[in-house]
PDB file of N, CA and C in Angstrom:
ATOM      1  N   MET A   1      14.819  -0.702   0.950  1.00  0.00           N
ATOM      2  CA  MET A   1      14.258   0.502   0.398  1.00  0.00           C
ATOM      3  C   MET A   1      13.067   0.908   1.260  1.00  0.00           C
ATOM      4  N   LYS A   2      12.963   2.175   1.563  1.00  0.00           N
ATOM      5  CA  LYS A   2      11.835   2.705   2.314  1.00  0.00           C
ATOM      6  C   LYS A   2      10.806   3.244   1.327  1.00  0.00           C
ATOM      7  N   LEU A   3       9.539   2.881   1.543  1.00  0.00           N
ATOM      8  CA  LEU A   3       8.489   3.234   0.590  1.00  0.00           C
ATOM      9  C   LEU A   3       7.314   3.926   1.262  1.00  0.00           C
ATOM     10  N   ILE A   4       6.675   4.798   0.508  1.00  0.00           N
ATOM     11  CA  ILE A   4       5.360   5.328   0.852  1.00  0.00           C
ATOM     12  C   ILE A   4       4.446   4.846  -0.262  1.00  0.00           C
ATOM     13  N   PHE A   5       3.402   4.119   0.105  1.00  0.00           N
ATOM     14  CA  PHE A   5       2.538   3.455  -0.868  1.00  0.00           C
ATOM     15  C   PHE A   5       1.248   4.242  -1.022  1.00  0.00           C
ATOM     16  N   LEU A   6       0.881   4.550  -2.264  1.00  0.00           N
ATOM     17  CA  LEU A   6      -0.370   5.236  -2.574  1.00  0.00           C
ATOM     18  C   LEU A   6      -1.182   4.370  -3.517  1.00  0.00           C
ATOM     19  N   GLY A   7      -2.478   4.238  -3.248  1.00  0.00           N
ATOM     20  CA  GLY A   7      -3.306   3.445  -4.142  1.00  0.00           C
ATOM     21  C   GLY A   7      -4.737   3.352  -3.676  1.00  0.00           C
ATOM     22  N   THR A   8      -5.607   2.957  -4.597  1.00  0.00           N
ATOM     23  CA  THR A   8      -6.996   2.712  -4.233  1.00  0.00           C
ATOM     24  C   THR A   8      -7.074   1.304  -3.648  1.00  0.00           C
ATOM     25  N   PRO A   9      -7.770   1.111  -2.546  1.00  0.00           N
ATOM     26  CA  PRO A   9      -7.728  -0.155  -1.811  1.00  0.00           C
ATOM     27  C   PRO A   9      -8.018  -1.400  -2.643  1.00  0.00           C
ATOM     28  N   GLN A  10      -9.073  -1.388  -3.424  1.00  0.00           N
ATOM     29  CA  GLN A  10      -9.463  -2.597  -4.147  1.00  0.00           C
ATOM     30  C   GLN A  10      -8.396  -3.028  -5.156  1.00  0.00           C
ATOM     31  N   PHE A  11      -7.784  -2.093  -5.830  1.00  0.00           N
ATOM     32  CA  PHE A  11      -6.787  -2.389  -6.854  1.00  0.00           C
ATOM     33  C   PHE A  11      -5.416  -2.685  -6.254  1.00  0.00           C
ATOM     34  N   SER A  12      -5.066  -2.000  -5.178  1.00  0.00           N
ATOM     35  CA  SER A  12      -3.688  -2.028  -4.700  1.00  0.00           C
ATOM     36  C   SER A  12      -3.369  -3.087  -3.649  1.00  0.00           C
ATOM     37  N   VAL A  13      -4.355  -3.732  -3.077  1.00  0.00           N
ATOM     38  CA  VAL A  13      -4.104  -4.711  -2.008  1.00  0.00           C
ATOM     39  C   VAL A  13      -3.130  -5.813  -2.426  1.00  0.00           C
ATOM     40  N   PRO A  14      -3.270  -6.446  -3.594  1.00  0.00           N
ATOM     41  CA  PRO A  14      -2.301  -7.487  -3.966  1.00  0.00           C
ATOM     42  C   PRO A  14      -0.862  -6.965  -4.053  1.00  0.00           C
ATOM     43  N   PHE A  15      -0.691  -5.768  -4.579  1.00  0.00           N
ATOM     44  CA  PHE A  15       0.644  -5.182  -4.679  1.00  0.00           C
ATOM     45  C   PHE A  15       1.207  -4.867  -3.298  1.00  0.00           C
ATOM     46  N   LEU A  16       0.365  -4.321  -2.430  1.00  0.00           N
ATOM     47  CA  LEU A  16       0.799  -3.983  -1.078  1.00  0.00           C
ATOM     48  C   LEU A  16       1.205  -5.238  -0.310  1.00  0.00           C
ATOM     49  N   ARG A  17       0.462  -6.322  -0.457  1.00  0.00           N
ATOM     50  CA  ARG A  17       0.821  -7.582   0.207  1.00  0.00           C
ATOM     51  C   ARG A  17       2.172  -8.097  -0.279  1.00  0.00           C
ATOM     52  N   THR A  18       2.419  -7.988  -1.575  1.00  0.00           N
ATOM     53  CA  THR A  18       3.697  -8.435  -2.132  1.00  0.00           C
ATOM     54  C   THR A  18       4.850  -7.597  -1.593  1.00  0.00           C
ATOM     55  N   ILE A  19       4.670  -6.295  -1.577  1.00  0.00           N
ATOM     56  CA  ILE A  19       5.721  -5.416  -1.051  1.00  0.00           C
ATOM     57  C   ILE A  19       5.937  -5.686   0.431  1.00  0.00           C
ATOM     58  N   ASN A  20       4.860  -5.893   1.168  1.00  0.00           N
ATOM     59  CA  ASN A  20       4.955  -6.132   2.606  1.00  0.00           C
ATOM     60  C   ASN A  20       5.719  -7.414   2.923  1.00  0.00           C
ATOM     61  N   SER A  21       5.635  -8.409   2.063  1.00  0.00           N
ATOM     62  CA  SER A  21       6.338  -9.669   2.314  1.00  0.00           C
ATOM     63  C   SER A  21       7.782  -9.633   1.814  1.00  0.00           C
ATOM     64  N   SER A  22       8.205  -8.527   1.228  1.00  0.00           N
ATOM     65  CA  SER A  22       9.582  -8.390   0.755  1.00  0.00           C
ATOM     66  C   SER A  22      10.436  -7.742   1.847  1.00  0.00           C
ATOM     67  N   HIS A  23      11.659  -7.446   1.516  1.00  0.00           N
ATOM     68  CA  HIS A  23      12.570  -6.838   2.489  1.00  0.00           C
ATOM     69  C   HIS A  23      12.432  -5.320   2.559  1.00  0.00           C
ATOM     70  N   HIS A  24      11.511  -4.744   1.789  1.00  0.00           N
ATOM     71  CA  HIS A  24      11.327  -3.297   1.784  1.00  0.00           C
ATOM     72  C   HIS A  24      10.522  -2.863   3.010  1.00  0.00           C
ATOM     73  N   LYS A  25      10.759  -1.631   3.456  1.00  0.00           N
ATOM     74  CA  LYS A  25      10.060  -1.096   4.620  1.00  0.00           C
ATOM     75  C   LYS A  25       9.001  -0.096   4.152  1.00  0.00           C
ATOM     76  N   ILE A  26       7.748  -0.344   4.527  1.00  0.00           N
ATOM     77  CA  ILE A  26       6.650   0.555   4.172  1.00  0.00           C
ATOM     78  C   ILE A  26       6.507   1.580   5.293  1.00  0.00           C
ATOM     79  N   LEU A  27       6.741   2.849   4.968  1.00  0.00           N
ATOM     80  CA  LEU A  27       6.656   3.913   5.961  1.00  0.00           C
ATOM     81  C   LEU A  27       5.233   4.425   6.141  1.00  0.00           C
ATOM     82  N   ALA A  28       4.455   4.420   5.052  1.00  0.00           N
ATOM     83  CA  ALA A  28       3.083   4.927   5.104  1.00  0.00           C
ATOM     84  C   ALA A  28       2.274   4.331   3.965  1.00  0.00           C
ATOM     85  N   VAL A  29       0.972   4.231   4.191  1.00  0.00           N
ATOM     86  CA  VAL A  29       0.033   3.801   3.154  1.00  0.00           C
ATOM     87  C   VAL A  29      -1.039   4.879   3.060  1.00  0.00           C
ATOM     88  N   ILE A  30      -1.239   5.404   1.854  1.00  0.00           N
ATOM     89  CA  ILE A  30      -2.209   6.472   1.639  1.00  0.00           C
ATOM     90  C   ILE A  30      -3.257   5.977   0.646  1.00  0.00           C
ATOM     91  N   THR A  31      -4.540   6.057   1.052  1.00  0.00           N
ATOM     92  CA  THR A  31      -5.643   5.629   0.194  1.00  0.00           C
ATOM     93  C   THR A  31      -6.743   6.683   0.219  1.00  0.00           C
ATOM     94  N   ASN A  32      -7.712   6.519  -0.643  1.00  0.00           N
ATOM     95  CA  ASN A  32      -8.884   7.387  -0.634  1.00  0.00           C
ATOM     96  C   ASN A  32      -9.775   7.003   0.536  1.00  0.00           C
ATOM     97  N   PRO A  33     -10.519   7.962   1.100  1.00  0.00           N
ATOM     98  CA  PRO A  33     -11.471   7.614   2.158  1.00  0.00           C
ATOM     99  C   PRO A  33     -12.618   6.776   1.597  1.00  0.00           C
ATOM    100  N   ASP A  34     -13.282   6.021   2.471  1.00  0.00           N
ATOM    101  CA  ASP A  34     -14.443   5.235   2.060  1.00  0.00           C
ATOM    102  C   ASP A  34     -15.522   6.155   1.501  1.00  0.00           C
ATOM    103  N   ARG A  35     -16.214   5.651   0.480  1.00  0.00           N
ATOM    104  CA  ARG A  35     -17.331   6.413  -0.083  1.00  0.00           C
ATOM    105  C   ARG A  35     -18.596   6.069   0.677  1.00  0.00           C
ATOM    106  N   LYS A  36     -19.446   7.047   0.849  1.00  0.00           N
ATOM    107  CA  LYS A  36     -20.692   6.825   1.591  1.00  0.00           C
ATOM    108  C   LYS A  36     -21.819   6.524   0.661  1.00  0.00           C
TER     109      LYS A  36
END
């Protein structure tokens, strides 16, 4: 399955790591810009 992943970095990192270690292909990762 091809995926585009959207999420806030602090919350979504564990999910992204799990998806990345699976057989799915991540096409893009979209997050919010860093806050100043």
